[in-house]
Amino acid sequence: MNNYFITGTSKGIGYNIAISLLKDSNNLVYGLSRTNTIKNKNFVHVKIDLSDIEQVNKFNFQINKNTKKIVLINNAGIIGDIKQIGKISNQSIEEIFSINTIAPSILTNKFICQFQNEETEKIILNISSGAGRHTISSWATYCASKSALDMFSQVVYDEQRQIQRKKSVKIYSIAPGIVDTPMQDIIRNAKVEDFEFVNQFINYKEKSQLSSAKDVAVRLINFLDKSNKYKNVIYDLREL
């Protein structure tokens, strides 16, 4: 049995990753989210608010016996207030870093602490963003939180290279591209005075230039299935 832990499975990419994985009866999927939209005998919903770090600290991983593969997919993310610094709320800053950076960092720490000595395949996949690698006005906290996730992943990779191969954990940070998810709805509804590129994102939708969450999920799963061929940490899914 393969064990997958995925954050943000109620919608978007996380939902579609879970649905695709559940087509294989050898996969047991744990979905970490506030709400649940999946019903399957091999799916376990873990009710958790990732913006509440106390709840994240209390979470512990559980796996079934004879596990062949253990995977953590830190998918959940929010864009927060789309406004310039000085105009956004402090609460939005706290929430975005909690969900996008702190929660996945804590879950990664727990994952490695618990499974480091397990001689089975172990993978951590962080869903990053091109925004973490380029500056975008009015997205300061989103860009910074995803950039931090990239750097965190790279450091963990360096640390794991020093571990015996059978016990090491593989880690990747992948930008999925511009995907048709509820986050895009939020971006398109931003005011022009707050976000100068809003019309550009409206055009992405109108011209069908957004990737579907379903297709992205399938490509991410294929990446995981062929992870041995990928030797770096940072990737852009559109370039694979």
Protein backbone atom coordinates (compact mmCIF):
# COMPACT_ATOMS: atom_id res chain seq x y z
CA MET A 1 0.00 0.00 0.00
CA ASN A 2 1.18 3.54 -0.81
CA ASN A 3 0.37 6.32 1.67
CA TYR A 4 -0.22 9.86 0.42
CA PHE A 5 -0.76 12.90 2.65
CA ILE A 6 -2.11 15.88 0.72
CA THR A 7 -3.00 19.33 2.03
CA GLY A 8 -5.86 21.27 0.47
CA THR A 9 -7.88 18.39 -1.00
CA SER A 10 -11.29 20.07 -0.96
CA LYS A 11 -10.77 21.77 -4.33
CA GLY A 12 -8.34 22.66 -7.10
CA ILE A 13 -5.09 20.81 -7.66
CA GLY A 14 -5.18 18.98 -4.32
CA TYR A 15 -8.67 17.61 -4.98
CA ASN A 16 -7.68 16.40 -8.44
CA ILE A 17 -4.46 14.78 -7.21
CA ALA A 18 -6.45 12.86 -4.61
CA ILE A 19 -9.14 11.77 -7.10
CA SER A 20 -6.51 10.57 -9.58
CA LEU A 21 -4.56 8.65 -6.93
CA LEU A 22 -7.72 6.97 -5.65
CA LYS A 23 -8.23 5.29 -9.02
CA ASP A 24 -5.54 2.87 -7.84
CA SER A 25 -6.76 0.67 -4.97
CA ASN A 26 -3.15 0.37 -3.75
CA ASN A 27 -3.18 4.03 -2.71
CA LEU A 28 -4.39 5.27 0.65
CA VAL A 29 -4.91 9.03 0.64
CA TYR A 30 -5.11 11.31 3.68
CA GLY A 31 -6.59 14.72 2.84
CA LEU A 32 -5.70 17.56 5.20
CA SER A 33 -8.24 20.35 4.80
CA ARG A 34 -10.95 22.29 6.58
CA THR A 35 -13.74 20.76 4.49
CA ASN A 36 -14.15 17.52 2.58
CA THR A 37 -15.63 16.85 -0.86
CA ILE A 38 -14.31 13.30 -1.43
CA LYS A 39 -15.97 10.01 -0.54
CA ASN A 40 -13.87 6.90 -1.11
CA LYS A 41 -13.00 3.89 1.06
CA ASN A 42 -9.30 4.64 0.58
CA PHE A 43 -9.64 8.32 1.49
CA VAL A 44 -9.28 9.63 5.04
CA HIS A 45 -10.24 13.23 5.69
CA VAL A 46 -8.20 14.98 8.37
CA LYS A 47 -10.07 18.11 9.43
CA ILE A 48 -7.45 20.80 9.99
CA ASP A 49 -7.09 24.55 9.55
CA LEU A 50 -3.55 25.05 8.24
CA SER A 51 -3.64 28.72 9.21
CA ASP A 52 -3.94 27.60 12.83
CA ILE A 53 -0.37 26.58 13.67
CA GLU A 54 -1.46 25.05 16.97
CA GLN A 55 -3.56 22.54 15.00
CA VAL A 56 -0.66 21.83 12.65
CA ASN A 57 1.64 21.18 15.61
CA LYS A 58 -0.81 18.62 17.00
CA PHE A 59 -1.06 16.66 13.76
CA ASN A 60 0.78 13.32 13.53
CA PHE A 61 1.26 11.08 10.51
CA GLN A 62 -0.15 7.56 10.56
CA ILE A 63 0.66 4.83 8.03
CA ASN A 64 -0.58 1.30 7.48
CA LYS A 65 1.69 -1.72 7.80
CA ASN A 66 3.83 -2.87 4.85
CA THR A 67 3.86 0.58 3.30
CA LYS A 68 5.82 0.70 0.05
CA LYS A 69 5.79 4.46 -0.48
CA ILE A 70 5.09 7.45 1.77
CA VAL A 71 4.42 10.82 0.12
CA LEU A 72 3.66 14.25 1.55
CA ILE A 73 2.25 16.78 -0.91
CA ASN A 74 2.16 20.30 0.51
CA ASN A 75 -0.38 21.68 -1.92
CA ALA A 76 -2.56 24.08 0.09
CA GLY A 77 -1.91 27.74 -0.58
CA ILE A 78 -3.60 31.13 -0.60
CA ILE A 79 -2.82 34.38 -2.34
CA GLY A 80 -4.12 36.64 0.45
CA ASP A 81 -4.87 40.34 -0.02
CA ILE A 82 -3.98 41.49 -3.54
CA LYS A 83 -2.77 44.97 -2.65
CA GLN A 84 0.47 46.85 -2.23
CA ILE A 85 2.36 46.62 1.03
CA GLY A 86 1.05 49.34 3.31
CA LYS A 87 -2.51 48.62 2.17
CA ILE A 88 -2.91 44.95 3.12
CA SER A 89 -4.05 43.73 6.51
CA ASN A 90 -1.62 42.32 9.04
CA GLN A 91 -3.99 39.38 9.43
CA SER A 92 -3.58 38.57 5.73
CA ILE A 93 0.22 38.60 6.09
CA GLU A 94 0.04 36.23 9.03
CA GLU A 95 -2.41 33.89 7.32
CA ILE A 96 -0.53 33.65 4.02
CA PHE A 97 2.81 32.79 5.63
CA SER A 98 1.11 30.33 7.98
CA ILE A 99 -0.52 28.39 5.15
CA ASN A 100 2.09 28.80 2.41
CA THR A 101 5.31 28.50 4.42
CA ILE A 102 5.01 27.67 8.12
CA ALA A 103 2.50 24.81 7.86
CA PRO A 104 4.38 22.95 5.09
CA SER A 105 7.66 23.50 6.94
CA ILE A 106 6.24 21.98 10.13
CA LEU A 107 4.66 19.08 8.25
CA THR A 108 7.96 18.42 6.47
CA ASN A 109 9.77 18.48 9.81
CA LYS A 110 7.28 16.02 11.31
CA PHE A 111 7.39 13.80 8.22
CA ILE A 112 11.19 13.49 8.26
CA CYS A 113 11.33 13.08 12.03
CA GLN A 114 8.80 10.25 11.93
CA PHE A 115 9.90 8.41 8.78
CA GLN A 116 13.63 9.10 8.42
CA ASN A 117 14.58 5.58 9.48
CA GLU A 118 11.93 3.83 7.40
CA GLU A 119 13.66 1.96 4.57
CA THR A 120 10.92 2.64 2.05
CA GLU A 121 10.50 5.27 -0.65
CA LYS A 122 9.76 8.66 0.91
CA ILE A 123 8.95 11.80 -1.09
CA ILE A 124 7.95 15.34 -0.20
CA LEU A 125 6.42 17.41 -2.99
CA ASN A 126 5.93 21.11 -2.32
CA ILE A 127 3.64 22.98 -4.70
CA SER A 128 5.41 26.26 -5.26
CA SER A 129 4.76 29.02 -7.81
CA GLY A 130 6.51 30.98 -10.51
CA ALA A 131 5.58 33.97 -8.34
CA GLY A 132 8.16 32.73 -5.87
CA ARG A 133 10.82 33.15 -8.54
CA HIS A 134 9.72 36.49 -10.02
CA THR A 135 8.48 39.72 -8.47
CA ILE A 136 4.82 40.62 -9.03
CA SER A 137 3.51 43.93 -7.75
CA SER A 138 0.70 43.54 -5.16
CA TRP A 139 1.71 39.93 -4.50
CA ALA A 140 4.58 40.62 -2.08
CA THR A 141 3.50 38.15 0.61
CA TYR A 142 2.53 35.46 -1.88
CA CYS A 143 5.81 35.80 -3.79
CA ALA A 144 7.84 35.81 -0.57
CA SER A 145 6.02 32.84 0.97
CA LYS A 146 6.55 30.70 -2.13
CA SER A 147 10.16 31.82 -2.47
CA ALA A 148 10.72 30.76 1.13
CA LEU A 149 9.20 27.35 0.34
CA ASP A 150 11.65 26.92 -2.54
CA MET A 151 14.65 27.75 -0.36
CA PHE A 152 13.40 25.55 2.46
CA SER A 153 13.12 22.65 0.01
CA GLN A 154 16.65 23.20 -1.28
CA VAL A 155 18.14 23.18 2.21
CA VAL A 156 16.25 20.01 3.15
CA TYR A 157 17.55 18.42 -0.06
CA ASP A 158 21.14 19.29 0.90
CA GLU A 159 20.60 17.80 4.35
CA GLN A 160 19.09 14.59 2.99
CA ARG A 161 22.00 14.05 0.60
CA GLN A 162 24.10 13.32 3.67
CA ILE A 163 21.75 10.55 4.82
CA GLN A 164 22.14 6.89 3.87
CA ARG A 165 20.33 6.44 0.57
CA LYS A 166 17.81 3.85 1.82
CA LYS A 167 16.75 6.21 4.58
CA SER A 168 16.91 9.56 2.77
CA VAL A 169 13.83 11.56 1.85
CA LYS A 170 13.47 13.00 -1.65
CA ILE A 171 12.09 16.53 -1.80
CA TYR A 172 10.95 18.69 -4.71
CA SER A 173 9.40 22.11 -5.14
CA ILE A 174 7.37 22.44 -8.33
CA ALA A 175 5.66 25.46 -9.86
CA PRO A 176 2.56 24.13 -11.66
CA GLY A 177 2.06 27.10 -13.98
CA ILE A 178 -1.11 29.15 -14.32
CA VAL A 179 -3.90 26.78 -13.38
CA ASP A 180 -7.68 27.18 -13.53
CA THR A 181 -8.41 27.06 -9.79
CA PRO A 182 -10.50 29.15 -7.37
CA MET A 183 -7.36 31.24 -6.72
CA GLN A 184 -7.59 32.51 -10.29
CA ASP A 185 -11.15 33.68 -9.60
CA ILE A 186 -9.83 35.78 -6.72
CA ILE A 187 -7.09 37.28 -8.91
CA ARG A 188 -9.51 38.18 -11.73
CA ASN A 189 -11.81 39.93 -9.25
CA ALA A 190 -9.06 42.22 -7.95
CA LYS A 191 -9.45 45.94 -8.57
CA VAL A 192 -7.22 47.51 -11.22
CA GLU A 193 -6.04 50.13 -8.74
CA ASP A 194 -4.86 47.33 -6.47
CA PHE A 195 -3.43 45.01 -9.13
CA GLU A 196 -2.12 46.46 -12.37
CA PHE A 197 -2.02 43.08 -14.15
CA VAL A 198 -5.64 42.09 -13.50
CA ASN A 199 -6.65 42.40 -17.17
CA GLN A 200 -3.81 40.12 -18.16
CA PHE A 201 -5.20 37.41 -15.90
CA ILE A 202 -8.71 38.00 -17.21
CA ASN A 203 -7.32 37.42 -20.71
CA TYR A 204 -5.71 34.14 -19.64
CA LYS A 205 -9.18 32.85 -18.81
CA GLU A 206 -10.96 34.32 -21.82
CA LYS A 207 -8.33 32.98 -24.23
CA SER A 208 -8.30 29.51 -22.59
CA GLN A 209 -4.65 29.85 -21.60
CA LEU A 210 -5.09 28.29 -18.15
CA SER A 211 -4.05 24.71 -17.48
CA SER A 212 -6.78 22.50 -16.05
CA ALA A 213 -6.32 21.36 -12.46
CA LYS A 214 -7.05 17.79 -13.58
CA ASP A 215 -4.27 17.78 -16.18
CA VAL A 216 -1.81 19.34 -13.74
CA ALA A 217 -2.67 16.72 -11.12
CA VAL A 218 -2.00 13.89 -13.59
CA ARG A 219 1.35 15.41 -14.56
CA LEU A 220 2.38 15.80 -10.92
CA ILE A 221 1.53 12.18 -10.21
CA ASN A 222 3.57 11.13 -13.24
CA PHE A 223 6.44 13.18 -11.86
CA LEU A 224 6.22 11.34 -8.55
CA ASP A 225 6.10 7.97 -10.30
CA LYS A 226 9.29 8.82 -12.19
CA SER A 227 10.99 10.81 -9.43
CA ASN A 228 14.22 8.81 -9.69
CA LYS A 229 15.05 10.54 -12.98
CA TYR A 230 14.81 14.03 -11.44
CA LYS A 231 18.02 15.08 -9.69
CA ASN A 232 17.24 18.73 -8.89
CA VAL A 233 14.84 20.27 -6.38
CA ILE A 234 13.26 23.24 -8.16
CA TYR A 235 11.13 22.60 -11.23
CA ASP A 236 8.53 24.28 -13.41
CA LEU A 237 5.93 21.73 -14.49
CA ARG A 238 5.53 23.46 -17.86
CA GLU A 239 9.16 22.71 -18.70
CA LEU A 240 9.04 18.99 -17.90
